Amino acid sequence: MSESKTFTVKGMKCGGCENTLKNKLQALEGVLSIAASYQDNKATIEFDPLKIDVNIIGAAITEAGYTVEE
């Protein structure tokens, strides 16, 4: 069973930024899909909560160079 969470992500400026974020998150075990939009400052992540939690996903977004807002 999967869950989905939409993060507000600041700092994405272009499609390349979306790809950077997607590549960072796809490397995490338990992340199933990523839909990122620099225009909307949003990233919706589908994940397996038995393998990963939202705190780890948020930390990975920050490690990729972006700011997560609640």
PDB file of N, CA and C in Angstrom:
ATOM      1  N   MET A   1       0.842  -1.182   0.000  1.00  0.00           N
ATOM      2  CA  MET A   1       0.000   0.000   0.000  1.00  0.00           C
ATOM      3  C   MET A   1       0.887   1.245   0.000  1.00  0.00           C
ATOM      4  N   SER A   2       0.572   2.191  -0.852  1.00  0.00           N
ATOM      5  CA  SER A   2       1.401   3.392  -0.958  1.00  0.00           C
ATOM      6  C   SER A   2       0.668   4.603  -0.392  1.00  0.00           C
ATOM      7  N   GLU A   3       1.458   5.621  -0.091  1.00  0.00           N
ATOM      8  CA  GLU A   3       0.935   6.911   0.342  1.00  0.00           C
ATOM      9  C   GLU A   3       1.488   7.974  -0.588  1.00  0.00           C
ATOM     10  N   SER A   4       0.862   9.136  -0.557  1.00  0.00           N
ATOM     11  CA  SER A   4       1.304  10.246  -1.389  1.00  0.00           C
ATOM     12  C   SER A   4       1.369  11.505  -0.534  1.00  0.00           C
ATOM     13  N   LYS A   5       2.368  12.328  -0.788  1.00  0.00           N
ATOM     14  CA  LYS A   5       2.500  13.606  -0.078  1.00  0.00           C
ATOM     15  C   LYS A   5       2.962  14.655  -1.061  1.00  0.00           C
ATOM     16  N   THR A   6       2.340  15.825  -0.983  1.00  0.00           N
ATOM     17  CA  THR A   6       2.758  16.957  -1.799  1.00  0.00           C
ATOM     18  C   THR A   6       3.554  17.916  -0.929  1.00  0.00           C
ATOM     19  N   PHE A   7       4.768  18.194  -1.366  1.00  0.00           N
ATOM     20  CA  PHE A   7       5.663  19.120  -0.682  1.00  0.00           C
ATOM     21  C   PHE A   7       5.678  20.444  -1.437  1.00  0.00           C
ATOM     22  N   THR A   8       5.753  21.556  -0.716  1.00  0.00           N
ATOM     23  CA  THR A   8       6.043  22.847  -1.326  1.00  0.00           C
ATOM     24  C   THR A   8       7.557  22.966  -1.348  1.00  0.00           C
ATOM     25  N   VAL A   9       8.106  23.094  -2.558  1.00  0.00           N
ATOM     26  CA  VAL A   9       9.559  23.093  -2.744  1.00  0.00           C
ATOM     27  C   VAL A   9       9.982  24.421  -3.358  1.00  0.00           C
ATOM     28  N   LYS A  10      10.778  25.176  -2.625  1.00  0.00           N
ATOM     29  CA  LYS A  10      11.284  26.464  -3.109  1.00  0.00           C
ATOM     30  C   LYS A  10      12.697  26.284  -3.662  1.00  0.00           C
ATOM     31  N   GLY A  11      12.986  27.006  -4.731  1.00  0.00           N
ATOM     32  CA  GLY A  11      14.333  26.986  -5.292  1.00  0.00           C
ATOM     33  C   GLY A  11      14.435  26.325  -6.654  1.00  0.00           C
ATOM     34  N   MET A  12      13.384  25.633  -7.092  1.00  0.00           N
ATOM     35  CA  MET A  12      13.411  25.055  -8.438  1.00  0.00           C
ATOM     36  C   MET A  12      13.133  26.179  -9.434  1.00  0.00           C
ATOM     37  N   LYS A  13      13.988  26.308 -10.439  1.00  0.00           N
ATOM     38  CA  LYS A  13      13.876  27.414 -11.400  1.00  0.00           C
ATOM     39  C   LYS A  13      13.545  26.969 -12.826  1.00  0.00           C
ATOM     40  N   CYS A  14      13.716  25.660 -13.120  1.00  0.00           N
ATOM     41  CA  CYS A  14      13.545  25.207 -14.502  1.00  0.00           C
ATOM     42  C   CYS A  14      13.309  23.695 -14.528  1.00  0.00           C
ATOM     43  N   GLY A  15      13.124  23.170 -15.717  1.00  0.00           N
ATOM     44  CA  GLY A  15      12.945  21.732 -15.880  1.00  0.00           C
ATOM     45  C   GLY A  15      14.152  20.935 -15.419  1.00  0.00           C
ATOM     46  N   GLY A  16      15.334  21.518 -15.548  1.00  0.00           N
ATOM     47  CA  GLY A  16      16.543  20.850 -15.067  1.00  0.00           C
ATOM     48  C   GLY A  16      16.504  20.657 -13.561  1.00  0.00           C
ATOM     49  N   CYS A  17      15.957  21.644 -12.858  1.00  0.00           N
ATOM     50  CA  CYS A  17      15.810  21.524 -11.400  1.00  0.00           C
ATOM     51  C   CYS A  17      14.842  20.392 -11.056  1.00  0.00           C
ATOM     52  N   GLU A  18      13.762  20.289 -11.818  1.00  0.00           N
ATOM     53  CA  GLU A  18      12.818  19.185 -11.605  1.00  0.00           C
ATOM     54  C   GLU A  18      13.536  17.850 -11.764  1.00  0.00           C
ATOM     55  N   ASN A  19      14.364  17.732 -12.802  1.00  0.00           N
ATOM     56  CA  ASN A  19      15.088  16.481 -13.044  1.00  0.00           C
ATOM     57  C   ASN A  19      16.093  16.186 -11.943  1.00  0.00           C
ATOM     58  N   THR A  20      16.773  17.219 -11.453  1.00  0.00           N
ATOM     59  CA  THR A  20      17.712  17.033 -10.343  1.00  0.00           C
ATOM     60  C   THR A  20      16.986  16.464  -9.133  1.00  0.00           C
ATOM     61  N   LEU A  21      15.836  17.042  -8.819  1.00  0.00           N
ATOM     62  CA  LEU A  21      15.047  16.574  -7.678  1.00  0.00           C
ATOM     63  C   LEU A  21      14.570  15.142  -7.901  1.00  0.00           C
ATOM     64  N   LYS A  22      14.058  14.860  -9.086  1.00  0.00           N
ATOM     65  CA  LYS A  22      13.580  13.506  -9.388  1.00  0.00           C
ATOM     66  C   LYS A  22      14.700  12.481  -9.263  1.00  0.00           C
ATOM     67  N   ASN A  23      15.869  12.797  -9.798  1.00  0.00           N
ATOM     68  CA  ASN A  23      16.999  11.862  -9.721  1.00  0.00           C
ATOM     69  C   ASN A  23      17.400  11.592  -8.278  1.00  0.00           C
ATOM     70  N   LYS A  24      17.411  12.630  -7.450  1.00  0.00           N
ATOM     71  CA  LYS A  24      17.770  12.476  -6.035  1.00  0.00           C
ATOM     72  C   LYS A  24      16.759  11.572  -5.327  1.00  0.00           C
ATOM     73  N   LEU A  25      15.486  11.798  -5.579  1.00  0.00           N
ATOM     74  CA  LEU A  25      14.446  11.043  -4.873  1.00  0.00           C
ATOM     75  C   LEU A  25      14.294   9.622  -5.399  1.00  0.00           C
ATOM     76  N   GLN A  26      14.485   9.424  -6.699  1.00  0.00           N
ATOM     77  CA  GLN A  26      14.361   8.080  -7.261  1.00  0.00           C
ATOM     78  C   GLN A  26      15.425   7.141  -6.724  1.00  0.00           C
ATOM     79  N   ALA A  27      16.512   7.693  -6.220  1.00  0.00           N
ATOM     80  CA  ALA A  27      17.582   6.868  -5.655  1.00  0.00           C
ATOM     81  C   ALA A  27      17.215   6.315  -4.278  1.00  0.00           C
ATOM     82  N   LEU A  28      16.143   6.825  -3.690  1.00  0.00           N
ATOM     83  CA  LEU A  28      15.730   6.384  -2.359  1.00  0.00           C
ATOM     84  C   LEU A  28      14.848   5.147  -2.445  1.00  0.00           C
ATOM     85  N   GLU A  29      15.181   4.132  -1.663  1.00  0.00           N
ATOM     86  CA  GLU A  29      14.349   2.932  -1.623  1.00  0.00           C
ATOM     87  C   GLU A  29      13.004   3.289  -1.004  1.00  0.00           C
ATOM     88  N   GLY A  30      11.940   2.901  -1.679  1.00  0.00           N
ATOM     89  CA  GLY A  30      10.595   3.152  -1.179  1.00  0.00           C
ATOM     90  C   GLY A  30       9.868   4.260  -1.916  1.00  0.00           C
ATOM     91  N   VAL A  31      10.601   5.085  -2.681  1.00  0.00           N
ATOM     92  CA  VAL A  31       9.957   6.118  -3.487  1.00  0.00           C
ATOM     93  C   VAL A  31       9.462   5.460  -4.770  1.00  0.00           C
ATOM     94  N   LEU A  32       8.166   5.619  -5.043  1.00  0.00           N
ATOM     95  CA  LEU A  32       7.546   4.943  -6.182  1.00  0.00           C
ATOM     96  C   LEU A  32       7.385   5.858  -7.389  1.00  0.00           C
ATOM     97  N   SER A  33       7.021   7.117  -7.153  1.00  0.00           N
ATOM     98  CA  SER A  33       6.885   8.053  -8.268  1.00  0.00           C
ATOM     99  C   SER A  33       7.035   9.482  -7.762  1.00  0.00           C
ATOM    100  N   ILE A  34       7.418  10.358  -8.687  1.00  0.00           N
ATOM    101  CA  ILE A  34       7.634  11.762  -8.371  1.00  0.00           C
ATOM    102  C   ILE A  34       7.032  12.601  -9.486  1.00  0.00           C
ATOM    103  N   ALA A  35       6.232  13.582  -9.108  1.00  0.00           N
ATOM    104  CA  ALA A  35       5.736  14.580 -10.053  1.00  0.00           C
ATOM    105  C   ALA A  35       6.153  15.935  -9.501  1.00  0.00           C
ATOM    106  N   ALA A  36       7.088  16.604 -10.183  1.00  0.00           N
ATOM    107  CA  ALA A  36       7.604  17.888  -9.706  1.00  0.00           C
ATOM    108  C   ALA A  36       7.269  18.988 -10.704  1.00  0.00           C
ATOM    109  N   SER A  37       6.943  20.171 -10.177  1.00  0.00           N
ATOM    110  CA  SER A  37       6.660  21.330 -11.018  1.00  0.00           C
ATOM    111  C   SER A  37       7.356  22.554 -10.445  1.00  0.00           C
ATOM    112  N   TYR A  38       8.339  23.073 -11.185  1.00  0.00           N
ATOM    113  CA  TYR A  38       9.013  24.291 -10.724  1.00  0.00           C
ATOM    114  C   TYR A  38       8.073  25.484 -10.802  1.00  0.00           C
ATOM    115  N   GLN A  39       7.120  25.457 -11.744  1.00  0.00           N
ATOM    116  CA  GLN A  39       6.184  26.568 -11.899  1.00  0.00           C
ATOM    117  C   GLN A  39       5.245  26.687 -10.701  1.00  0.00           C
ATOM    118  N   ASP A  40       4.855  25.549 -10.144  1.00  0.00           N
ATOM    119  CA  ASP A  40       3.939  25.538  -8.996  1.00  0.00           C
ATOM    120  C   ASP A  40       4.663  25.425  -7.659  1.00  0.00           C
ATOM    121  N   ASN A  41       5.988  25.245  -7.705  1.00  0.00           N
ATOM    122  CA  ASN A  41       6.777  25.024  -6.482  1.00  0.00           C
ATOM    123  C   ASN A  41       6.256  23.827  -5.690  1.00  0.00           C
ATOM    124  N   LYS A  42       5.911  22.759  -6.389  1.00  0.00           N
ATOM    125  CA  LYS A  42       5.349  21.569  -5.750  1.00  0.00           C
ATOM    126  C   LYS A  42       6.053  20.309  -6.233  1.00  0.00           C
ATOM    127  N   ALA A  43       6.085  19.338  -5.346  1.00  0.00           N
ATOM    128  CA  ALA A  43       6.539  17.996  -5.708  1.00  0.00           C
ATOM    129  C   ALA A  43       5.636  17.010  -4.982  1.00  0.00           C
ATOM    130  N   THR A  44       4.993  16.149  -5.747  1.00  0.00           N
ATOM    131  CA  THR A  44       4.135  15.121  -5.172  1.00  0.00           C
ATOM    132  C   THR A  44       4.868  13.797  -5.283  1.00  0.00           C
ATOM    133  N   ILE A  45       5.055  13.162  -4.136  1.00  0.00           N
ATOM    134  CA  ILE A  45       5.828  11.933  -4.056  1.00  0.00           C
ATOM    135  C   ILE A  45       4.914  10.808  -3.613  1.00  0.00           C
ATOM    136  N   GLU A  46       4.904   9.715  -4.382  1.00  0.00           N
ATOM    137  CA  GLU A  46       4.217   8.493  -3.967  1.00  0.00           C
ATOM    138  C   GLU A  46       5.285   7.566  -3.410  1.00  0.00           C
ATOM    139  N   PHE A  47       5.013   6.999  -2.236  1.00  0.00           N
ATOM    140  CA  PHE A  47       6.032   6.197  -1.564  1.00  0.00           C
ATOM    141  C   PHE A  47       5.408   5.061  -0.768  1.00  0.00           C
ATOM    142  N   ASP A  48       6.251   4.089  -0.429  1.00  0.00           N
ATOM    143  CA  ASP A  48       5.859   2.963   0.406  1.00  0.00           C
ATOM    144  C   ASP A  48       6.217   3.317   1.848  1.00  0.00           C
ATOM    145  N   PRO A  49       5.221   3.552   2.716  1.00  0.00           N
ATOM    146  CA  PRO A  49       5.510   3.974   4.090  1.00  0.00           C
ATOM    147  C   PRO A  49       6.186   2.900   4.938  1.00  0.00           C
ATOM    148  N   LEU A  50       6.218   1.677   4.458  1.00  0.00           N
ATOM    149  CA  LEU A  50       6.927   0.622   5.182  1.00  0.00           C
ATOM    150  C   LEU A  50       8.431   0.679   4.924  1.00  0.00           C
ATOM    151  N   LYS A  51       8.834   1.401   3.866  1.00  0.00           N
ATOM    152  CA  LYS A  51      10.251   1.474   3.499  1.00  0.00           C
ATOM    153  C   LYS A  51      10.871   2.851   3.730  1.00  0.00           C
ATOM    154  N   ILE A  52      10.048   3.897   3.728  1.00  0.00           N
ATOM    155  CA  ILE A  52      10.573   5.265   3.850  1.00  0.00           C
ATOM    156  C   ILE A  52       9.487   6.152   4.444  1.00  0.00           C
ATOM    157  N   ASP A  53       9.907   7.213   5.147  1.00  0.00           N
ATOM    158  CA  ASP A  53       8.906   8.144   5.675  1.00  0.00           C
ATOM    159  C   ASP A  53       9.139   9.552   5.123  1.00  0.00           C
ATOM    160  N   VAL A  54       8.173  10.421   5.375  1.00  0.00           N
ATOM    161  CA  VAL A  54       8.213  11.761   4.785  1.00  0.00           C
ATOM    162  C   VAL A  54       9.398  12.586   5.285  1.00  0.00           C
ATOM    163  N   ASN A  55       9.880  12.315   6.486  1.00  0.00           N
ATOM    164  CA  ASN A  55      11.033  13.063   6.998  1.00  0.00           C
ATOM    165  C   ASN A  55      12.284  12.792   6.171  1.00  0.00           C
ATOM    166  N   ILE A  56      12.478  11.551   5.768  1.00  0.00           N
ATOM    167  CA  ILE A  56      13.631  11.194   4.937  1.00  0.00           C
ATOM    168  C   ILE A  56      13.490  11.825   3.550  1.00  0.00           C
ATOM    169  N   ILE A  57      12.281  11.818   3.018  1.00  0.00           N
ATOM    170  CA  ILE A  57      12.044  12.437   1.711  1.00  0.00           C
ATOM    171  C   ILE A  57      12.318  13.936   1.789  1.00  0.00           C
ATOM    172  N   GLY A  58      11.809  14.588   2.824  1.00  0.00           N
ATOM    173  CA  GLY A  58      12.051  16.022   3.007  1.00  0.00           C
ATOM    174  C   GLY A  58      13.531  16.339   3.130  1.00  0.00           C
ATOM    175  N   ALA A  59      14.259  15.508   3.871  1.00  0.00           N
ATOM    176  CA  ALA A  59      15.705  15.707   4.026  1.00  0.00           C
ATOM    177  C   ALA A  59      16.418  15.555   2.685  1.00  0.00           C
ATOM    178  N   ALA A  60      15.979  14.615   1.860  1.00  0.00           N
ATOM    179  CA  ALA A  60      16.593  14.415   0.544  1.00  0.00           C
ATOM    180  C   ALA A  60      16.343  15.615  -0.369  1.00  0.00           C
ATOM    181  N   ILE A  61      15.166  16.211  -0.268  1.00  0.00           N
ATOM    182  CA  ILE A  61      14.872  17.417  -1.054  1.00  0.00           C
ATOM    183  C   ILE A  61      15.830  18.539  -0.642  1.00  0.00           C
ATOM    184  N   THR A  62      16.035  18.686   0.659  1.00  0.00           N
ATOM    185  CA  THR A  62      16.961  19.697   1.171  1.00  0.00           C
ATOM    186  C   THR A  62      18.390  19.413   0.712  1.00  0.00           C
ATOM    187  N   GLU A  63      18.795  18.140   0.761  1.00  0.00           N
ATOM    188  CA  GLU A  63      20.139  17.752   0.309  1.00  0.00           C
ATOM    189  C   GLU A  63      20.347  18.053  -1.173  1.00  0.00           C
ATOM    190  N   ALA A  64      19.255  18.022  -1.944  1.00  0.00           N
ATOM    191  CA  ALA A  64      19.346  18.322  -3.375  1.00  0.00           C
ATOM    192  C   ALA A  64      19.504  19.824  -3.626  1.00  0.00           C
ATOM    193  N   GLY A  65      19.389  20.631  -2.563  1.00  0.00           N
ATOM    194  CA  GLY A  65      19.615  22.063  -2.698  1.00  0.00           C
ATOM    195  C   GLY A  65      18.364  22.918  -2.691  1.00  0.00           C
ATOM    196  N   TYR A  66      17.239  22.336  -2.314  1.00  0.00           N
ATOM    197  CA  TYR A  66      15.973  23.065  -2.323  1.00  0.00           C
ATOM    198  C   TYR A  66      15.436  23.209  -0.902  1.00  0.00           C
ATOM    199  N   THR A  67      14.474  24.096  -0.737  1.00  0.00           N
ATOM    200  CA  THR A  67      13.874  24.349   0.567  1.00  0.00           C
ATOM    201  C   THR A  67      12.472  23.767   0.596  1.00  0.00           C
ATOM    202  N   VAL A  68      12.173  23.023   1.654  1.00  0.00           N
ATOM    203  CA  VAL A  68      10.841  22.444   1.836  1.00  0.00           C
ATOM    204  C   VAL A  68      10.068  23.339   2.791  1.00  0.00           C
ATOM    205  N   GLU A  69       8.855  23.716   2.396  1.00  0.00           N
ATOM    206  CA  GLU A  69       7.985  24.509   3.265  1.00  0.00           C
ATOM    207  C   GLU A  69       6.756  23.686   3.603  1.00  0.00           C
ATOM    208  N   GLU A  70       6.333  23.780   4.837  1.00  0.00           N
ATOM    209  CA  GLU A  70       5.135  23.047   5.277  1.00  0.00           C
ATOM    210  C   GLU A  70       3.889  23.845   4.974  1.00  0.00           C
TER     211      GLU A  70
END
